[in-house]
C-alpha atoms as a PDB file:
ATOM      1  CA  MET A   1      23.375   2.803  17.006  1.00  0.00           C
ATOM      2  CA  MET A   2      19.975   2.428  15.391  1.00  0.00           C
ATOM      3  CA  LYS A   3      21.578   2.299  11.916  1.00  0.00           C
ATOM      4  CA  ALA A   4      23.935  -0.452  13.076  1.00  0.00           C
ATOM      5  CA  LEU A   5      21.055  -2.477  14.520  1.00  0.00           C
ATOM      6  CA  GLY A   6      19.162  -2.026  11.252  1.00  0.00           C
ATOM      7  CA  ARG A   7      22.139  -3.388   9.317  1.00  0.00           C
ATOM      8  CA  VAL A   8      22.385  -6.358  11.658  1.00  0.00           C
ATOM      9  CA  SER A   9      18.735  -7.187  11.134  1.00  0.00           C
ATOM     10  CA  GLU A  10      19.154  -6.911   7.351  1.00  0.00           C
ATOM     11  CA  ILE A  11      22.095  -9.324   7.437  1.00  0.00           C
ATOM     12  CA  ALA A  12      20.234 -11.694   9.760  1.00  0.00           C
ATOM     13  CA  ALA A  13      17.318 -11.695   7.313  1.00  0.00           C
ATOM     14  CA  LEU A  14      19.624 -13.181   4.662  1.00  0.00           C
ATOM     15  CA  ARG A  15      19.875 -16.316   6.826  1.00  0.00           C
ATOM     16  CA  LEU A  16      23.436 -17.045   5.663  1.00  0.00           C
ATOM     17  CA  GLY A  17      24.044 -19.171   8.732  1.00  0.00           C
ATOM     18  CA  GLU A  18      21.842 -21.771   7.108  1.00  0.00           C
ATOM     19  CA  VAL A  19      23.844 -21.957   3.878  1.00  0.00           C
ATOM     20  CA  ASP A  20      25.024 -25.510   3.230  1.00  0.00           C
ATOM     21  CA  THR A  21      28.773 -25.278   2.689  1.00  0.00           C
ATOM     22  CA  VAL A  22      29.416 -29.024   3.034  1.00  0.00           C
ATOM     23  CA  GLY A  23      28.994 -29.778  -0.671  1.00  0.00           C
ATOM     24  CA  THR A  24      31.221 -26.932  -1.824  1.00  0.00           C
ATOM     25  CA  GLY A  25      34.504 -28.794  -1.473  1.00  0.00           C
ATOM     26  CA  VAL A  26      35.812 -26.178   0.935  1.00  0.00           C
ATOM     27  CA  SER A  27      37.104 -27.752   4.125  1.00  0.00           C
ATOM     28  CA  LYS A  28      35.777 -26.722   7.500  1.00  0.00           C
ATOM     29  CA  ARG A  29      39.284 -25.573   8.437  1.00  0.00           C
ATOM     30  CA  ARG A  30      39.479 -23.249   5.405  1.00  0.00           C
ATOM     31  CA  MET A  31      36.021 -21.827   6.170  1.00  0.00           C
ATOM     32  CA  LEU A  32      37.216 -21.093   9.699  1.00  0.00           C
ATOM     33  CA  GLN A  33      40.371 -19.400   8.377  1.00  0.00           C
ATOM     34  CA  LEU A  34      38.297 -17.225   6.040  1.00  0.00           C
ATOM     35  CA  ALA A  35      35.876 -16.349   8.833  1.00  0.00           C
ATOM     36  CA  ARG A  36      38.719 -15.403  11.156  1.00  0.00           C
ATOM     37  CA  SER A  37      40.269 -13.139   8.562  1.00  0.00           C
ATOM     38  CA  GLY A  38      36.895 -11.508   7.983  1.00  0.00           C
ATOM     39  CA  MET A  39      36.496 -10.801  11.681  1.00  0.00           C
ATOM     40  CA  ASN A  40      40.071  -9.681  12.304  1.00  0.00           C
ATOM     41  CA  GLU A  41      41.039  -7.654   9.226  1.00  0.00           C
ATOM     42  CA  LYS A  42      40.262  -3.973   8.843  1.00  0.00           C
ATOM     43  CA  ALA A  43      38.161  -2.775   5.907  1.00  0.00           C
ATOM     44  CA  PRO A  44      41.067  -1.322   3.877  1.00  0.00           C
ATOM     45  CA  LYS A  45      42.913  -4.639   3.990  1.00  0.00           C
ATOM     46  CA  LEU A  46      39.774  -6.548   2.987  1.00  0.00           C
ATOM     47  CA  ALA A  47      39.266  -4.110   0.107  1.00  0.00           C
ATOM     48  CA  ARG A  48      42.638  -5.091  -1.369  1.00  0.00           C
ATOM     49  CA  HIS A  49      41.479  -8.695  -1.905  1.00  0.00           C
ATOM     50  CA  PRO A  50      40.048  -9.698  -5.300  1.00  0.00           C
ATOM     51  CA  ASP A  51      36.251  -9.735  -5.537  1.00  0.00           C
ATOM     52  CA  SER A  52      36.032 -13.517  -5.331  1.00  0.00           C
ATOM     53  CA  MET A  53      38.113 -13.595  -2.140  1.00  0.00           C
ATOM     54  CA  ARG A  54      36.081 -10.804  -0.539  1.00  0.00           C
ATOM     55  CA  THR A  55      32.895 -12.710  -1.324  1.00  0.00           C
ATOM     56  CA  ALA A  56      34.330 -15.915   0.153  1.00  0.00           C
ATOM     57  CA  ILE A  57      35.477 -14.092   3.288  1.00  0.00           C
ATOM     58  CA  LEU A  58      32.094 -12.413   3.700  1.00  0.00           C
ATOM     59  CA  LEU A  59      30.159 -15.656   3.252  1.00  0.00           C
ATOM     60  CA  ALA A  60      32.457 -17.569   5.612  1.00  0.00           C
ATOM     61  CA  THR A  61      32.245 -14.839   8.247  1.00  0.00           C
ATOM     62  CA  LEU A  62      28.479 -14.549   8.119  1.00  0.00           C
ATOM     63  CA  THR A  63      28.043 -18.321   8.061  1.00  0.00           C
ATOM     64  CA  TRP A  64      30.330 -18.824  11.044  1.00  0.00           C
ATOM     65  CA  VAL A  65      28.745 -16.074  13.145  1.00  0.00           C
END
């Protein structure tokens, strides 16, 4: 439990929720779709995505949360 809380604090320190995604050309709907897939998919399924997609899913998920 303590390790998980440590990871949460490390992620929170990145302050990804404050990333400005408006100027990226990615619609709010697409960001929501990416965030949902990041929250709903299991790790093995996420691992099968290309690196760029995994990065997009991670950023969208952390920004949305």
